[in-house]
Amino acid sequence: MSPIVTVQEAVTAFEPWMEPTDAELDAIETEMPVILADIELIDAYIITMDRVPSELDARRLRRARRRALAARVELTRRSATTKGIGA
């Protein structure tokens, strides 16, 4: 029988290369409005999963879809402007 060995040290070991770079953190910060809008949309879907959506639920879903789409459009517009594609 082979002994069971813990791998806790290997899993939680700190290595500087494991940390996100400044560029990755900036990208996350730039995409944060899209991430939050998607979370709101998922929350709206979860609320309506176990029941027939009411009018309020339908409005909540429409609003969340519009916010998610607007956040994606804004991110795309900002990205295109930054790259010099549009002005």
PDB file of N, CA and C in Angstrom:
ATOM      1  N   MET A   1       0.849  -1.173   0.000  1.00  0.00           N
ATOM      2  CA  MET A   1       0.000   0.000   0.000  1.00  0.00           C
ATOM      3  C   MET A   1       0.895   1.236   0.000  1.00  0.00           C
ATOM      4  N   SER A   2       0.559   2.197  -0.852  1.00  0.00           N
ATOM      5  CA  SER A   2       1.365   3.412  -0.902  1.00  0.00           C
ATOM      6  C   SER A   2       0.772   4.462   0.043  1.00  0.00           C
ATOM      7  N   PRO A   3       1.634   5.209   0.729  1.00  0.00           N
ATOM      8  CA  PRO A   3       1.142   6.206   1.686  1.00  0.00           C
ATOM      9  C   PRO A   3       0.518   7.398   0.962  1.00  0.00           C
ATOM     10  N   ILE A   4      -0.441   8.001   1.610  1.00  0.00           N
ATOM     11  CA  ILE A   4      -1.071   9.202   1.085  1.00  0.00           C
ATOM     12  C   ILE A   4      -0.232  10.394   1.553  1.00  0.00           C
ATOM     13  N   VAL A   5       0.176  11.215   0.616  1.00  0.00           N
ATOM     14  CA  VAL A   5       1.042  12.346   0.937  1.00  0.00           C
ATOM     15  C   VAL A   5       0.294  13.637   0.636  1.00  0.00           C
ATOM     16  N   THR A   6       0.414  14.586   1.507  1.00  0.00           N
ATOM     17  CA  THR A   6      -0.247  15.868   1.291  1.00  0.00           C
ATOM     18  C   THR A   6       0.529  16.719   0.285  1.00  0.00           C
ATOM     19  N   VAL A   7      -0.198  17.434  -0.517  1.00  0.00           N
ATOM     20  CA  VAL A   7       0.431  18.313  -1.502  1.00  0.00           C
ATOM     21  C   VAL A   7       0.119  19.777  -1.184  1.00  0.00           C
ATOM     22  N   GLN A   8      -0.244  20.025   0.058  1.00  0.00           N
ATOM     23  CA  GLN A   8      -0.628  21.385   0.457  1.00  0.00           C
ATOM     24  C   GLN A   8       0.475  22.387   0.165  1.00  0.00           C
ATOM     25  N   GLU A   9       1.708  22.047   0.479  1.00  0.00           N
ATOM     26  CA  GLU A   9       2.801  22.986   0.261  1.00  0.00           C
ATOM     27  C   GLU A   9       2.973  23.293  -1.226  1.00  0.00           C
ATOM     28  N   ALA A  10       2.849  22.292  -2.058  1.00  0.00           N
ATOM     29  CA  ALA A  10       3.001  22.510  -3.500  1.00  0.00           C
ATOM     30  C   ALA A  10       1.851  23.343  -4.058  1.00  0.00           C
ATOM     31  N   VAL A  11       0.659  23.168  -3.511  1.00  0.00           N
ATOM     32  CA  VAL A  11      -0.505  23.883  -4.021  1.00  0.00           C
ATOM     33  C   VAL A  11      -0.491  25.343  -3.581  1.00  0.00           C
ATOM     34  N   THR A  12      -0.103  25.603  -2.351  1.00  0.00           N
ATOM     35  CA  THR A  12      -0.178  26.958  -1.811  1.00  0.00           C
ATOM     36  C   THR A  12       1.161  27.674  -1.785  1.00  0.00           C
ATOM     37  N   ALA A  13       2.161  27.109  -2.401  1.00  0.00           N
ATOM     38  CA  ALA A  13       3.471  27.758  -2.399  1.00  0.00           C
ATOM     39  C   ALA A  13       3.395  29.085  -3.137  1.00  0.00           C
ATOM     40  N   PHE A  14       4.086  30.075  -2.605  1.00  0.00           N
ATOM     41  CA  PHE A  14       4.095  31.395  -3.238  1.00  0.00           C
ATOM     42  C   PHE A  14       5.245  31.475  -4.218  1.00  0.00           C
ATOM     43  N   GLU A  15       4.899  31.860  -5.414  1.00  0.00           N
ATOM     44  CA  GLU A  15       5.901  32.109  -6.441  1.00  0.00           C
ATOM     45  C   GLU A  15       5.588  33.472  -7.048  1.00  0.00           C
ATOM     46  N   PRO A  16       6.574  34.343  -7.173  1.00  0.00           N
ATOM     47  CA  PRO A  16       6.302  35.682  -7.729  1.00  0.00           C
ATOM     48  C   PRO A  16       5.687  35.642  -9.127  1.00  0.00           C
ATOM     49  N   TRP A  17       6.011  34.651  -9.908  1.00  0.00           N
ATOM     50  CA  TRP A  17       5.472  34.583 -11.263  1.00  0.00           C
ATOM     51  C   TRP A  17       4.003  34.202 -11.284  1.00  0.00           C
ATOM     52  N   MET A  18       3.452  33.791 -10.156  1.00  0.00           N
ATOM     53  CA  MET A  18       2.051  33.399 -10.086  1.00  0.00           C
ATOM     54  C   MET A  18       1.136  34.613  -9.914  1.00  0.00           C
ATOM     55  N   GLU A  19       1.683  35.726  -9.501  1.00  0.00           N
ATOM     56  CA  GLU A  19       0.885  36.928  -9.287  1.00  0.00           C
ATOM     57  C   GLU A  19       0.538  37.560 -10.634  1.00  0.00           C
ATOM     58  N   PRO A  20      -0.630  38.202 -10.721  1.00  0.00           N
ATOM     59  CA  PRO A  20      -0.977  38.887 -11.977  1.00  0.00           C
ATOM     60  C   PRO A  20      -0.053  40.086 -12.195  1.00  0.00           C
ATOM     61  N   THR A  21       0.245  40.331 -13.443  1.00  0.00           N
ATOM     62  CA  THR A  21       1.087  41.469 -13.781  1.00  0.00           C
ATOM     63  C   THR A  21       0.256  42.747 -13.725  1.00  0.00           C
ATOM     64  N   ASP A  22       0.930  43.879 -13.791  1.00  0.00           N
ATOM     65  CA  ASP A  22       0.219  45.156 -13.801  1.00  0.00           C
ATOM     66  C   ASP A  22      -0.688  45.266 -15.015  1.00  0.00           C
ATOM     67  N   ALA A  23      -0.234  44.760 -16.153  1.00  0.00           N
ATOM     68  CA  ALA A  23      -1.051  44.798 -17.372  1.00  0.00           C
ATOM     69  C   ALA A  23      -2.314  43.951 -17.206  1.00  0.00           C
ATOM     70  N   GLU A  24      -2.188  42.783 -16.574  1.00  0.00           N
ATOM     71  CA  GLU A  24      -3.358  41.934 -16.345  1.00  0.00           C
ATOM     72  C   GLU A  24      -4.340  42.595 -15.376  1.00  0.00           C
ATOM     73  N   LEU A  25      -3.823  43.235 -14.337  1.00  0.00           N
ATOM     74  CA  LEU A  25      -4.691  43.939 -13.393  1.00  0.00           C
ATOM     75  C   LEU A  25      -5.395  45.117 -14.066  1.00  0.00           C
ATOM     76  N   ASP A  26      -4.689  45.823 -14.949  1.00  0.00           N
ATOM     77  CA  ASP A  26      -5.313  46.915 -15.697  1.00  0.00           C
ATOM     78  C   ASP A  26      -6.407  46.392 -16.621  1.00  0.00           C
ATOM     79  N   ALA A  27      -6.172  45.245 -17.253  1.00  0.00           N
ATOM     80  CA  ALA A  27      -7.185  44.660 -18.137  1.00  0.00           C
ATOM     81  C   ALA A  27      -8.428  44.259 -17.342  1.00  0.00           C
ATOM     82  N   ILE A  28      -8.232  43.706 -16.167  1.00  0.00           N
ATOM     83  CA  ILE A  28      -9.364  43.339 -15.315  1.00  0.00           C
ATOM     84  C   ILE A  28     -10.135  44.585 -14.904  1.00  0.00           C
ATOM     85  N   GLU A  29      -9.413  45.631 -14.530  1.00  0.00           N
ATOM     86  CA  GLU A  29     -10.054  46.882 -14.133  1.00  0.00           C
ATOM     87  C   GLU A  29     -10.849  47.484 -15.292  1.00  0.00           C
ATOM     88  N   THR A  30     -10.314  47.389 -16.496  1.00  0.00           N
ATOM     89  CA  THR A  30     -11.001  47.913 -17.675  1.00  0.00           C
ATOM     90  C   THR A  30     -12.274  47.129 -17.963  1.00  0.00           C
ATOM     91  N   GLU A  31     -12.227  45.824 -17.759  1.00  0.00           N
ATOM     92  CA  GLU A  31     -13.374  44.964 -18.056  1.00  0.00           C
ATOM     93  C   GLU A  31     -14.355  44.833 -16.889  1.00  0.00           C
ATOM     94  N   MET A  32     -14.066  45.456 -15.761  1.00  0.00           N
ATOM     95  CA  MET A  32     -14.910  45.307 -14.577  1.00  0.00           C
ATOM     96  C   MET A  32     -16.370  45.715 -14.804  1.00  0.00           C
ATOM     97  N   PRO A  33     -16.690  46.788 -15.533  1.00  0.00           N
ATOM     98  CA  PRO A  33     -18.109  47.090 -15.769  1.00  0.00           C
ATOM     99  C   PRO A  33     -18.838  45.960 -16.513  1.00  0.00           C
ATOM    100  N   VAL A  34     -18.162  45.320 -17.447  1.00  0.00           N
ATOM    101  CA  VAL A  34     -18.774  44.197 -18.170  1.00  0.00           C
ATOM    102  C   VAL A  34     -18.975  43.015 -17.224  1.00  0.00           C
ATOM    103  N   ILE A  35     -17.996  42.758 -16.395  1.00  0.00           N
ATOM    104  CA  ILE A  35     -18.088  41.650 -15.442  1.00  0.00           C
ATOM    105  C   ILE A  35     -19.255  41.874 -14.486  1.00  0.00           C
ATOM    106  N   LEU A  36     -19.373  43.081 -13.947  1.00  0.00           N
ATOM    107  CA  LEU A  36     -20.456  43.373 -13.007  1.00  0.00           C
ATOM    108  C   LEU A  36     -21.822  43.321 -13.680  1.00  0.00           C
ATOM    109  N   ALA A  37     -21.904  43.795 -14.921  1.00  0.00           N
ATOM    110  CA  ALA A  37     -23.172  43.727 -15.650  1.00  0.00           C
ATOM    111  C   ALA A  37     -23.559  42.276 -15.935  1.00  0.00           C
ATOM    112  N   ASP A  38     -22.577  41.440 -16.262  1.00  0.00           N
ATOM    113  CA  ASP A  38     -22.865  40.021 -16.485  1.00  0.00           C
ATOM    114  C   ASP A  38     -23.316  39.337 -15.196  1.00  0.00           C
ATOM    115  N   ILE A  39     -22.735  39.710 -14.084  1.00  0.00           N
ATOM    116  CA  ILE A  39     -23.153  39.149 -12.796  1.00  0.00           C
ATOM    117  C   ILE A  39     -24.603  39.534 -12.505  1.00  0.00           C
ATOM    118  N   GLU A  40     -24.949  40.788 -12.774  1.00  0.00           N
ATOM    119  CA  GLU A  40     -26.328  41.244 -12.576  1.00  0.00           C
ATOM    120  C   GLU A  40     -27.293  40.467 -13.469  1.00  0.00           C
ATOM    121  N   LEU A  41     -26.889  40.209 -14.719  1.00  0.00           N
ATOM    122  CA  LEU A  41     -27.731  39.448 -15.641  1.00  0.00           C
ATOM    123  C   LEU A  41     -27.903  38.010 -15.156  1.00  0.00           C
ATOM    124  N   ILE A  42     -26.837  37.397 -14.705  1.00  0.00           N
ATOM    125  CA  ILE A  42     -26.922  36.026 -14.185  1.00  0.00           C
ATOM    126  C   ILE A  42     -27.821  35.985 -12.951  1.00  0.00           C
ATOM    127  N   ASP A  43     -27.691  36.977 -12.076  1.00  0.00           N
ATOM    128  CA  ASP A  43     -28.562  37.046 -10.902  1.00  0.00           C
ATOM    129  C   ASP A  43     -30.031  37.134 -11.305  1.00  0.00           C
ATOM    130  N   ALA A  44     -30.316  37.934 -12.332  1.00  0.00           N
ATOM    131  CA  ALA A  44     -31.702  38.059 -12.802  1.00  0.00           C
ATOM    132  C   ALA A  44     -32.209  36.726 -13.347  1.00  0.00           C
ATOM    133  N   TYR A  45     -31.363  36.001 -14.061  1.00  0.00           N
ATOM    134  CA  TYR A  45     -31.755  34.685 -14.558  1.00  0.00           C
ATOM    135  C   TYR A  45     -31.986  33.707 -13.406  1.00  0.00           C
ATOM    136  N   ILE A  46     -31.129  33.737 -12.400  1.00  0.00           N
ATOM    137  CA  ILE A  46     -31.259  32.820 -11.264  1.00  0.00           C
ATOM    138  C   ILE A  46     -32.571  33.067 -10.521  1.00  0.00           C
ATOM    139  N   ILE A  47     -32.938  34.328 -10.372  1.00  0.00           N
ATOM    140  CA  ILE A  47     -34.184  34.664  -9.671  1.00  0.00           C
ATOM    141  C   ILE A  47     -35.385  34.029 -10.359  1.00  0.00           C
ATOM    142  N   THR A  48     -35.367  33.965 -11.684  1.00  0.00           N
ATOM    143  CA  THR A  48     -36.531  33.473 -12.430  1.00  0.00           C
ATOM    144  C   THR A  48     -36.464  31.989 -12.767  1.00  0.00           C
ATOM    145  N   MET A  49     -35.470  31.279 -12.287  1.00  0.00           N
ATOM    146  CA  MET A  49     -35.307  29.870 -12.659  1.00  0.00           C
ATOM    147  C   MET A  49     -36.407  28.964 -12.122  1.00  0.00           C
ATOM    148  N   ASP A  50     -36.857  29.203 -10.917  1.00  0.00           N
ATOM    149  CA  ASP A  50     -37.785  28.267 -10.288  1.00  0.00           C
ATOM    150  C   ASP A  50     -39.237  28.720 -10.316  1.00  0.00           C
ATOM    151  N   ARG A  51     -39.529  29.725 -11.127  1.00  0.00           N
ATOM    152  CA  ARG A  51     -40.921  30.181 -11.205  1.00  0.00           C
ATOM    153  C   ARG A  51     -41.177  30.822 -12.566  1.00  0.00           C
ATOM    154  N   VAL A  52     -42.429  31.043 -12.837  1.00  0.00           N
ATOM    155  CA  VAL A  52     -42.809  31.750 -14.061  1.00  0.00           C
ATOM    156  C   VAL A  52     -42.491  33.223 -13.834  1.00  0.00           C
ATOM    157  N   PRO A  53     -41.726  33.840 -14.734  1.00  0.00           N
ATOM    158  CA  PRO A  53     -41.350  35.239 -14.519  1.00  0.00           C
ATOM    159  C   PRO A  53     -42.564  36.172 -14.483  1.00  0.00           C
ATOM    160  N   SER A  54     -42.593  37.016 -13.492  1.00  0.00           N
ATOM    161  CA  SER A  54     -43.642  38.028 -13.396  1.00  0.00           C
ATOM    162  C   SER A  54     -43.250  39.215 -14.280  1.00  0.00           C
ATOM    163  N   GLU A  55     -44.107  40.211 -14.330  1.00  0.00           N
ATOM    164  CA  GLU A  55     -43.786  41.419 -15.100  1.00  0.00           C
ATOM    165  C   GLU A  55     -42.548  42.105 -14.528  1.00  0.00           C
ATOM    166  N   LEU A  56     -42.432  42.122 -13.217  1.00  0.00           N
ATOM    167  CA  LEU A  56     -41.258  42.710 -12.573  1.00  0.00           C
ATOM    168  C   LEU A  56     -39.994  41.936 -12.948  1.00  0.00           C
ATOM    169  N   ASP A  57     -40.088  40.603 -12.955  1.00  0.00           N
ATOM    170  CA  ASP A  57     -38.949  39.776 -13.350  1.00  0.00           C
ATOM    171  C   ASP A  57     -38.558  40.033 -14.800  1.00  0.00           C
ATOM    172  N   ALA A  58     -39.564  40.168 -15.668  1.00  0.00           N
ATOM    173  CA  ALA A  58     -39.290  40.431 -17.080  1.00  0.00           C
ATOM    174  C   ALA A  58     -38.585  41.769 -17.245  1.00  0.00           C
ATOM    175  N   ARG A  59     -39.009  42.779 -16.499  1.00  0.00           N
ATOM    176  CA  ARG A  59     -38.343  44.087 -16.559  1.00  0.00           C
ATOM    177  C   ARG A  59     -36.916  44.001 -16.040  1.00  0.00           C
ATOM    178  N   ARG A  60     -36.733  43.241 -14.942  1.00  0.00           N
ATOM    179  CA  ARG A  60     -35.401  43.059 -14.378  1.00  0.00           C
ATOM    180  C   ARG A  60     -34.477  42.397 -15.399  1.00  0.00           C
ATOM    181  N   LEU A  61     -34.976  41.380 -16.101  1.00  0.00           N
ATOM    182  CA  LEU A  61     -34.178  40.710 -17.127  1.00  0.00           C
ATOM    183  C   LEU A  61     -33.844  41.651 -18.285  1.00  0.00           C
ATOM    184  N   ARG A  62     -34.839  42.388 -18.756  1.00  0.00           N
ATOM    185  CA  ARG A  62     -34.586  43.335 -19.864  1.00  0.00           C
ATOM    186  C   ARG A  62     -33.557  44.386 -19.458  1.00  0.00           C
ATOM    187  N   ARG A  63     -33.707  44.913 -18.259  1.00  0.00           N
ATOM    188  CA  ARG A  63     -32.780  45.935 -17.773  1.00  0.00           C
ATOM    189  C   ARG A  63     -31.365  45.371 -17.656  1.00  0.00           C
ATOM    190  N   ALA A  64     -31.249  44.163 -17.133  1.00  0.00           N
ATOM    191  CA  ALA A  64     -29.935  43.540 -16.986  1.00  0.00           C
ATOM    192  C   ALA A  64     -29.307  43.246 -18.353  1.00  0.00           C
ATOM    193  N   ARG A  65     -30.116  42.803 -19.319  1.00  0.00           N
ATOM    194  CA  ARG A  65     -29.592  42.568 -20.673  1.00  0.00           C
ATOM    195  C   ARG A  65     -29.100  43.869 -21.291  1.00  0.00           C
ATOM    196  N   ARG A  66     -29.882  44.945 -21.129  1.00  0.00           N
ATOM    197  CA  ARG A  66     -29.481  46.248 -21.688  1.00  0.00           C
ATOM    198  C   ARG A  66     -28.190  46.746 -21.052  1.00  0.00           C
ATOM    199  N   ARG A  67     -28.066  46.589 -19.739  1.00  0.00           N
ATOM    200  CA  ARG A  67     -26.836  47.036 -19.067  1.00  0.00           C
ATOM    201  C   ARG A  67     -25.632  46.216 -19.511  1.00  0.00           C
ATOM    202  N   ALA A  68     -25.814  44.912 -19.661  1.00  0.00           N
ATOM    203  CA  ALA A  68     -24.706  44.064 -20.115  1.00  0.00           C
ATOM    204  C   ALA A  68     -24.292  44.449 -21.532  1.00  0.00           C
ATOM    205  N   LEU A  69     -25.266  44.661 -22.391  1.00  0.00           N
ATOM    206  CA  LEU A  69     -24.956  45.054 -23.763  1.00  0.00           C
ATOM    207  C   LEU A  69     -24.302  46.431 -23.804  1.00  0.00           C
ATOM    208  N   ALA A  70     -24.811  47.370 -23.031  1.00  0.00           N
ATOM    209  CA  ALA A  70     -24.228  48.711 -23.002  1.00  0.00           C
ATOM    210  C   ALA A  70     -22.789  48.680 -22.479  1.00  0.00           C
ATOM    211  N   ALA A  71     -22.538  47.850 -21.479  1.00  0.00           N
ATOM    212  CA  ALA A  71     -21.175  47.736 -20.948  1.00  0.00           C
ATOM    213  C   ALA A  71     -20.233  47.158 -21.997  1.00  0.00           C
ATOM    214  N   ARG A  72     -20.700  46.155 -22.750  1.00  0.00           N
ATOM    215  CA  ARG A  72     -19.866  45.574 -23.805  1.00  0.00           C
ATOM    216  C   ARG A  72     -19.620  46.578 -24.931  1.00  0.00           C
ATOM    217  N   VAL A  73     -20.648  47.335 -25.295  1.00  0.00           N
ATOM    218  CA  VAL A  73     -20.491  48.343 -26.348  1.00  0.00           C
ATOM    219  C   VAL A  73     -19.485  49.403 -25.900  1.00  0.00           C
ATOM    220  N   GLU A  74     -19.593  49.850 -24.662  1.00  0.00           N
ATOM    221  CA  GLU A  74     -18.676  50.859 -24.146  1.00  0.00           C
ATOM    222  C   GLU A  74     -17.242  50.336 -24.115  1.00  0.00           C
ATOM    223  N   LEU A  75     -17.062  49.092 -23.693  1.00  0.00           N
ATOM    224  CA  LEU A  75     -15.724  48.503 -23.672  1.00  0.00           C
ATOM    225  C   LEU A  75     -15.155  48.405 -25.083  1.00  0.00           C
ATOM    226  N   THR A  76     -15.983  47.991 -26.033  1.00  0.00           N
ATOM    227  CA  THR A  76     -15.534  47.891 -27.419  1.00  0.00           C
ATOM    228  C   THR A  76     -15.195  49.268 -27.977  1.00  0.00           C
ATOM    229  N   ARG A  77     -16.037  50.257 -27.689  1.00  0.00           N
ATOM    230  CA  ARG A  77     -15.786  51.615 -28.163  1.00  0.00           C
ATOM    231  C   ARG A  77     -14.492  52.165 -27.584  1.00  0.00           C
ATOM    232  N   ARG A  78     -14.301  51.960 -26.282  1.00  0.00           N
ATOM    233  CA  ARG A  78     -13.090  52.440 -25.629  1.00  0.00           C
ATOM    234  C   ARG A  78     -11.851  51.738 -26.166  1.00  0.00           C
ATOM    235  N   SER A  79     -11.971  50.442 -26.406  1.00  0.00           N
ATOM    236  CA  SER A  79     -10.851  49.677 -26.938  1.00  0.00           C
ATOM    237  C   SER A  79     -10.499  50.137 -28.352  1.00  0.00           C
ATOM    238  N   ALA A  80     -11.513  50.391 -29.173  1.00  0.00           N
ATOM    239  CA  ALA A  80     -11.271  50.846 -30.544  1.00  0.00           C
ATOM    240  C   ALA A  80     -10.646  52.237 -30.545  1.00  0.00           C
ATOM    241  N   THR A  81     -11.088  53.106 -29.638  1.00  0.00           N
ATOM    242  CA  THR A  81     -10.535  54.447 -29.561  1.00  0.00           C
ATOM    243  C   THR A  81      -9.088  54.404 -29.090  1.00  0.00           C
ATOM    244  N   THR A  82      -8.803  53.535 -28.132  1.00  0.00           N
ATOM    245  CA  THR A  82      -7.445  53.405 -27.611  1.00  0.00           C
ATOM    246  C   THR A  82      -6.497  52.902 -28.694  1.00  0.00           C
ATOM    247  N   LYS A  83      -6.955  52.011 -29.520  1.00  0.00           N
ATOM    248  CA  LYS A  83      -6.106  51.451 -30.578  1.00  0.00           C
ATOM    249  C   LYS A  83      -6.033  52.350 -31.798  1.00  0.00           C
ATOM    250  N   GLY A  84      -6.792  53.440 -31.796  1.00  0.00           N
ATOM    251  CA  GLY A  84      -6.729  54.388 -32.900  1.00  0.00           C
ATOM    252  C   GLY A  84      -7.591  54.017 -34.085  1.00  0.00           C
ATOM    253  N   ILE A  85      -8.503  53.073 -33.913  1.00  0.00           N
ATOM    254  CA  ILE A  85      -9.364  52.644 -35.020  1.00  0.00           C
ATOM    255  C   ILE A  85     -10.447  53.682 -35.273  1.00  0.00           C
ATOM    256  N   GLY A  86     -11.029  54.191 -34.223  1.00  0.00           N
ATOM    257  CA  GLY A  86     -12.082  55.183 -34.375  1.00  0.00           C
ATOM    258  C   GLY A  86     -11.734  56.424 -33.574  1.00  0.00           C
ATOM    259  N   ALA A  87     -12.325  57.508 -33.906  1.00  0.00           N
ATOM    260  CA  ALA A  87     -12.037  58.707 -33.137  1.00  0.00           C
ATOM    261  C   ALA A  87     -13.218  59.645 -33.142  1.00  0.00           C
TER     262      ALA A  87
END
